[in-house]
Amino acid sequence: MLKGINYLKLYGEEPSAIEQAFAIYANVIKLDENGIVLNAKYAEKRATQYIRSYCDSSYKVEPPFEDWEVTLHNPPPLQDLI
């Protein structure tokens, strides 16, 4: 999906775009009760769609992102709670 898209420059120049891609991946990924990932490729696809749309304004994300997919959450505490 990113073939021909110059997205590597985002890592040094657009950290908020990378943060959003990671947020989408984390929001979309699903695990079962044993911690087994159920939809790794779908979560990867959604994050990749964001990166592509960020780099290529002509690319249309289908289906469009839902609010819960793109929500940025507060960072975790600096120390573990347990």
Protein backbone atom coordinates (compact mmCIF):
# COMPACT_ATOMS: atom_id res chain seq x y z
CA MET A 1 0.00 0.00 0.00
CA LEU A 2 2.94 2.35 0.56
CA LYS A 3 4.89 1.40 -2.56
CA GLY A 4 6.04 4.61 -4.21
CA ILE A 5 5.02 6.71 -1.20
CA ASN A 6 7.90 8.58 0.45
CA TYR A 7 6.77 8.04 4.02
CA LEU A 8 10.14 7.47 5.73
CA LYS A 9 10.74 11.22 5.96
CA LEU A 10 7.81 11.39 8.41
CA TYR A 11 9.91 9.75 11.10
CA GLY A 12 12.21 12.74 11.38
CA GLU A 13 10.04 15.56 10.13
CA GLU A 14 6.45 14.78 11.14
CA PRO A 15 6.41 12.94 14.48
CA SER A 16 2.71 13.69 15.04
CA ALA A 17 1.85 11.72 11.88
CA ILE A 18 3.73 8.71 13.26
CA GLU A 19 2.02 9.16 16.63
CA GLN A 20 -1.38 9.10 14.88
CA ALA A 21 -0.50 5.96 12.92
CA PHE A 22 0.53 4.18 16.14
CA ALA A 23 -2.66 5.37 17.85
CA ILE A 24 -4.79 3.95 15.03
CA TYR A 25 -2.94 0.64 15.21
CA ALA A 26 -3.34 0.45 19.01
CA ASN A 27 -7.02 1.44 18.89
CA VAL A 28 -7.89 -1.09 16.17
CA ILE A 29 -5.89 -4.13 17.33
CA LYS A 30 -7.97 -6.83 19.07
CA LEU A 31 -6.74 -9.54 21.40
CA ASP A 32 -8.58 -12.54 22.75
CA GLU A 33 -8.77 -13.43 26.46
CA ASN A 34 -5.37 -15.17 26.19
CA GLY A 35 -3.65 -12.18 24.59
CA ILE A 36 -3.61 -13.70 21.11
CA VAL A 37 -3.83 -11.00 18.41
CA LEU A 38 -6.90 -11.54 16.24
CA ASN A 39 -6.58 -8.84 13.59
CA ALA A 40 -2.94 -7.80 13.17
CA LYS A 41 -3.17 -7.33 9.40
CA TYR A 42 -6.34 -5.25 9.63
CA ALA A 43 -4.82 -2.98 12.30
CA GLU A 44 -1.71 -2.67 10.12
CA LYS A 45 -3.86 -1.82 7.10
CA ARG A 46 -5.72 0.95 8.92
CA ALA A 47 -2.50 2.51 10.20
CA THR A 48 -0.98 2.25 6.73
CA GLN A 49 -4.06 3.87 5.20
CA TYR A 50 -3.52 6.85 7.49
CA ILE A 51 0.14 7.18 6.50
CA ARG A 52 -0.74 6.96 2.82
CA SER A 53 -3.51 9.54 3.12
CA TYR A 54 -1.14 11.84 5.02
CA CYS A 55 1.48 11.61 2.26
CA ASP A 56 -0.89 11.45 -0.72
CA SER A 57 -3.83 13.84 -0.56
CA SER A 58 -5.50 12.10 -3.51
CA TYR A 59 -5.76 8.80 -1.60
CA LYS A 60 -9.19 8.20 -0.04
CA VAL A 61 -9.41 6.01 3.07
CA GLU A 62 -12.16 3.41 2.71
CA PRO A 63 -14.01 2.96 4.91
CA PRO A 64 -13.42 6.39 6.43
CA PHE A 65 -11.87 6.40 9.88
CA GLU A 66 -14.29 6.38 12.77
CA ASP A 67 -13.68 8.68 15.75
CA TRP A 68 -12.66 5.82 18.04
CA GLU A 69 -9.97 4.71 15.57
CA VAL A 70 -8.16 8.05 15.53
CA THR A 71 -8.55 9.01 19.19
CA LEU A 72 -5.29 9.94 20.89
CA HIS A 73 -5.25 8.80 24.51
CA ASN A 74 -3.23 10.22 27.39
CA PRO A 75 0.22 8.72 27.77
CA PRO A 76 0.72 6.04 30.40
CA PRO A 77 2.19 6.97 33.79
CA LEU A 78 5.97 7.30 33.94
CA GLN A 79 6.12 4.41 36.43
CA ASP A 80 4.25 1.11 36.42
CA LEU A 81 1.34 1.01 38.84
CA ILE A 82 2.08 -2.56 39.91
